[in-house]
Amino acid sequence: MEQRTPTSGPVSNEIEGQIQQVRRSIRDCEMRFGREPDSVKLIAVSKRQPITAIRDAIVGGQYAFGENYLSEAKPKITATPDLNIEWHYIGAIQSNKTAEVAALFDWVHTVDRPKIAQRLNTQRNPALPPLNVCIQVNIGGEPTKLGVTPPDLPMLIDTISGLPQLALRGLMALPAPDPDFTQQRKAFALLRELALSHSVDLDHLSMGTSNDYSAAIAEGSTMVRIGTAIFGPRS
């Protein structure tokens, strides 16, 4: 699905206004760090948000949404088939959930082991386009965080590259929070360097959230996952 660039105009709801503000900030970052215009895609993280909030975001031209929990995402997806939404799965994937993830989503950002990749491939309907996937990398070696370790990344890349119902598009990371901009950049630079170190063409870096997307864009992010800055604090 191609990225849509909404036209500016009167703001009809608060969420639409927040989306416009985030988009302006992203465009400013692209200019500041020498990125091509519109090279960064905004993924609106709609977990714990009602369908009404998603519809308000669509008024602002936002059609790419990220969900962390299958049980919460499924009713949203099945209730909005008319809206041509691009759905991104950005949560942990359990083996017993892969069939529904493969059926419902356009993108999965959190593939971190061969078993999950193989199940998604087997369970993706061949009548659908290949499922776009990013490999989640635990760049900080945090014991409580999911993601493949950098030394194991080449094996997982090779596995996914041989699966016909999956399209390997890039890498994803969620570094430990750090308020320092320079340290944020260092963490994201690690993922960029990993992507460049492999011969496979990886055209996306999924990195950057509401608190650090400027640093992520500076280091080459092509998809930022923004929730709080659009929808406000979650309950």
Protein backbone atom coordinates (compact mmCIF):
# COMPACT_ATOMS: atom_id res chain seq x y z
CA MET A 1 0.00 0.00 0.00
CA GLU A 2 1.40 3.39 -0.94
CA GLN A 3 1.87 6.10 1.63
CA ARG A 4 -0.74 8.82 1.42
CA THR A 5 0.19 12.44 1.99
CA PRO A 6 -2.82 14.30 3.33
CA THR A 7 -3.58 17.80 2.23
CA SER A 8 -3.61 20.55 4.81
CA GLY A 9 -6.89 22.11 5.74
CA PRO A 10 -9.21 22.90 8.62
CA VAL A 11 -8.87 20.55 11.61
CA SER A 12 -12.12 18.82 12.53
CA ASN A 13 -10.99 16.89 15.62
CA GLU A 14 -8.18 16.83 18.19
CA ILE A 15 -6.57 13.65 16.88
CA GLU A 16 -6.46 15.05 13.35
CA GLY A 17 -4.71 18.12 14.73
CA GLN A 18 -2.15 15.98 16.55
CA ILE A 19 -1.46 13.99 13.39
CA GLN A 20 -0.84 17.17 11.43
CA GLN A 21 1.54 18.36 14.15
CA VAL A 22 3.47 15.06 14.17
CA ARG A 23 3.68 15.07 10.38
CA ARG A 24 5.08 18.60 10.39
CA SER A 25 7.67 17.51 12.94
CA ILE A 26 8.63 14.51 10.81
CA ARG A 27 9.01 16.73 7.73
CA ASP A 28 11.16 19.14 9.76
CA CYS A 29 13.39 16.24 10.83
CA GLU A 30 13.72 15.07 7.25
CA MET A 31 14.94 18.52 6.22
CA ARG A 32 17.23 18.93 9.24
CA PHE A 33 18.98 15.60 8.78
CA GLY A 34 19.21 15.59 5.00
CA ARG A 35 16.56 12.97 4.39
CA GLU A 36 14.42 12.83 1.24
CA PRO A 37 10.98 14.42 1.62
CA ASP A 38 8.30 11.89 2.61
CA SER A 39 10.91 9.18 3.19
CA VAL A 40 9.60 8.50 6.70
CA LYS A 41 6.25 6.76 7.13
CA LEU A 42 4.08 7.46 10.16
CA ILE A 43 2.58 4.41 11.86
CA ALA A 44 -0.14 5.53 14.30
CA VAL A 45 -0.03 3.15 17.27
CA SER A 46 -3.69 2.64 18.09
CA LYS A 47 -3.46 0.05 20.88
CA ARG A 48 -6.02 0.67 23.63
CA GLN A 49 -7.75 3.19 21.38
CA PRO A 50 -11.38 2.82 20.26
CA ILE A 51 -12.45 2.57 16.64
CA THR A 52 -13.78 6.14 16.89
CA ALA A 53 -10.21 7.36 17.48
CA ILE A 54 -9.01 5.47 14.41
CA ARG A 55 -11.77 7.04 12.34
CA ASP A 56 -10.77 10.49 13.63
CA ALA A 57 -7.19 9.79 12.56
CA ILE A 58 -8.35 8.75 9.10
CA VAL A 59 -9.98 12.16 8.72
CA GLY A 60 -6.42 13.49 8.98
CA GLY A 61 -5.25 11.22 6.17
CA GLN A 62 -3.72 8.53 8.39
CA TYR A 63 -4.19 5.00 7.05
CA ALA A 64 -1.30 3.03 8.61
CA PHE A 65 -2.00 1.81 12.14
CA GLY A 66 0.01 -0.33 14.55
CA GLU A 67 -1.46 -2.75 17.06
CA ASN A 68 0.30 -4.66 19.86
CA TYR A 69 -2.37 -7.13 20.94
CA LEU A 70 -4.17 -9.52 18.62
CA SER A 71 -7.24 -9.83 20.84
CA GLU A 72 -7.69 -6.06 20.72
CA ALA A 73 -6.78 -5.61 17.07
CA LYS A 74 -9.01 -8.31 15.61
CA PRO A 75 -12.37 -6.59 16.27
CA LYS A 76 -10.99 -3.29 14.96
CA ILE A 77 -9.80 -4.90 11.74
CA THR A 78 -12.98 -6.88 11.14
CA ALA A 79 -15.12 -3.80 11.85
CA THR A 80 -13.33 -1.54 9.35
CA PRO A 81 -12.97 -3.46 6.06
CA ASP A 82 -14.29 -0.45 4.15
CA LEU A 83 -11.55 1.94 5.29
CA ASN A 84 -8.60 0.48 3.35
CA ILE A 85 -6.37 0.58 6.43
CA GLU A 86 -2.82 -0.77 6.35
CA TRP A 87 -2.45 -2.79 9.57
CA HIS A 88 0.95 -3.26 11.23
CA TYR A 89 1.47 -5.82 13.98
CA ILE A 90 4.07 -4.46 16.41
CA GLY A 91 3.62 -6.68 19.47
CA ALA A 92 5.12 -9.93 20.68
CA ILE A 93 3.99 -12.94 18.62
CA GLN A 94 2.92 -16.14 20.34
CA SER A 95 3.02 -19.34 18.33
CA ASN A 96 -0.70 -19.97 18.82
CA LYS A 97 -1.52 -16.54 17.36
CA THR A 98 0.45 -16.70 14.12
CA ALA A 99 -2.46 -17.93 11.98
CA GLU A 100 -4.60 -14.89 12.76
CA VAL A 101 -1.66 -12.49 12.51
CA ALA A 102 -0.86 -13.92 9.07
CA ALA A 103 -4.46 -13.55 7.97
CA LEU A 104 -5.25 -10.09 9.31
CA PHE A 105 -2.14 -7.93 8.98
CA ASP A 106 -0.23 -6.33 6.12
CA TRP A 107 3.01 -5.91 8.08
CA VAL A 108 4.63 -7.67 11.04
CA HIS A 109 7.49 -5.78 12.71
CA THR A 110 8.37 -8.29 15.43
CA VAL A 111 9.62 -11.52 13.86
CA ASP A 112 12.46 -12.69 16.09
CA ARG A 113 12.92 -16.44 15.54
CA PRO A 114 12.71 -18.98 12.72
CA LYS A 115 9.74 -20.84 14.20
CA ILE A 116 7.54 -17.74 14.06
CA ALA A 117 8.67 -16.90 10.52
CA GLN A 118 7.93 -20.42 9.31
CA ARG A 119 4.49 -20.47 10.89
CA LEU A 120 3.58 -17.09 9.40
CA ASN A 121 4.72 -18.29 6.00
CA THR A 122 2.74 -21.54 6.17
CA GLN A 123 -0.40 -19.81 7.44
CA ARG A 124 -0.39 -16.85 5.04
CA ASN A 125 -3.05 -17.37 2.38
CA PRO A 126 -1.29 -17.68 -1.01
CA ALA A 127 -4.10 -15.61 -2.51
CA LEU A 128 -2.89 -12.65 -0.44
CA PRO A 129 0.25 -10.65 -1.19
CA PRO A 130 3.32 -11.84 0.75
CA LEU A 131 3.30 -10.65 4.34
CA ASN A 132 5.75 -7.77 4.82
CA VAL A 133 8.01 -8.50 7.79
CA CYS A 134 10.71 -6.79 9.78
CA ILE A 135 13.07 -8.64 12.09
CA GLN A 136 13.09 -7.36 15.64
CA VAL A 137 16.66 -7.01 16.92
CA ASN A 138 17.59 -6.76 20.59
CA ILE A 139 20.39 -4.29 19.95
CA GLY A 140 21.03 -3.61 23.65
CA GLY A 141 21.14 -7.22 24.79
CA GLU A 142 18.39 -6.51 27.33
CA PRO A 143 17.36 -9.78 29.02
CA THR A 144 13.73 -8.71 29.41
CA LYS A 145 13.29 -7.57 25.80
CA LEU A 146 12.36 -9.66 22.79
CA GLY A 147 14.39 -9.70 19.60
CA VAL A 148 17.09 -11.68 17.88
CA THR A 149 20.65 -11.00 18.99
CA PRO A 150 22.95 -9.43 16.38
CA PRO A 151 25.09 -12.60 16.05
CA ASP A 152 21.98 -14.67 15.26
CA LEU A 153 20.59 -12.14 12.77
CA PRO A 154 22.24 -13.61 9.61
CA MET A 155 20.63 -17.03 10.20
CA LEU A 156 17.18 -15.49 10.60
CA ILE A 157 17.65 -13.35 7.49
CA ASP A 158 18.54 -16.48 5.51
CA THR A 159 15.50 -18.33 6.85
CA ILE A 160 13.01 -15.60 6.00
CA SER A 161 14.56 -14.96 2.59
CA GLY A 162 13.64 -18.51 1.61
CA LEU A 163 9.97 -18.27 2.62
CA PRO A 164 7.74 -17.39 -0.37
CA GLN A 165 4.78 -16.01 1.58
CA LEU A 166 6.95 -13.54 3.48
CA ALA A 167 8.65 -10.42 2.13
CA LEU A 168 11.62 -9.43 4.28
CA ARG A 169 11.59 -5.64 4.31
CA GLY A 170 13.85 -4.52 7.14
CA LEU A 171 14.80 -4.42 10.79
CA MET A 172 13.02 -3.14 13.86
CA ALA A 173 14.32 -2.14 17.29
CA LEU A 174 12.98 -0.69 20.52
CA PRO A 175 16.02 0.57 22.44
CA ALA A 176 15.96 1.22 26.16
CA PRO A 177 14.56 4.69 26.94
CA ASP A 178 17.19 7.41 27.17
CA PRO A 179 16.47 11.15 27.44
CA ASP A 180 19.79 12.11 25.82
CA PHE A 181 19.53 12.77 22.08
CA THR A 182 23.11 11.72 21.38
CA GLN A 183 22.65 8.40 23.17
CA GLN A 184 19.37 7.84 21.32
CA ARG A 185 21.21 8.29 18.03
CA LYS A 186 23.92 5.82 19.03
CA ALA A 187 21.34 3.12 19.70
CA PHE A 188 19.58 3.65 16.38
CA ALA A 189 22.90 3.81 14.54
CA LEU A 190 23.57 0.24 15.66
CA LEU A 191 20.46 -0.99 13.86
CA ARG A 192 21.29 1.00 10.73
CA GLU A 193 24.79 -0.49 10.66
CA LEU A 194 23.38 -4.01 11.07
CA ALA A 195 21.05 -3.45 8.11
CA LEU A 196 23.93 -2.26 5.94
CA SER A 197 26.16 -5.18 6.92
CA HIS A 198 24.05 -7.78 5.08
CA SER A 199 23.85 -8.42 1.36
CA VAL A 200 20.05 -8.74 1.44
CA ASP A 201 18.27 -5.56 0.35
CA LEU A 202 16.56 -4.24 3.48
CA ASP A 203 14.64 -1.12 2.54
CA HIS A 204 13.08 -0.29 5.89
CA LEU A 205 14.17 0.55 9.42
CA SER A 206 11.28 0.53 11.88
CA MET A 207 12.55 2.62 14.76
CA GLY A 208 11.44 5.64 16.73
CA THR A 209 8.50 6.30 19.04
CA SER A 210 6.91 9.42 20.51
CA ASN A 211 9.93 10.11 22.73
CA ASP A 212 12.80 9.51 20.32
CA TYR A 213 11.63 9.64 16.71
CA SER A 214 13.80 12.67 15.88
CA ALA A 215 16.95 10.69 16.70
CA ALA A 216 15.60 7.70 14.79
CA ILE A 217 15.00 9.80 11.68
CA ALA A 218 18.50 11.23 11.99
CA GLU A 219 19.85 7.66 11.81
CA GLY A 220 17.78 6.51 8.85
CA SER A 221 14.41 5.36 10.16
CA THR A 222 11.81 4.86 7.44
CA MET A 223 8.90 4.03 9.76
CA VAL A 224 8.22 5.70 13.11
CA ARG A 225 5.67 4.20 15.49
CA ILE A 226 3.85 7.04 17.25
CA GLY A 227 1.07 6.58 19.79
CA THR A 228 1.06 9.04 22.67
CA ALA A 229 1.90 12.09 20.54
CA ILE A 230 -1.20 11.36 18.43
CA PHE A 231 -3.76 9.86 20.80
CA GLY A 232 -2.52 11.18 24.15
CA PRO A 233 -1.61 9.12 27.24
CA ARG A 234 -3.15 5.66 27.33
CA SER A 235 -5.46 4.62 30.12
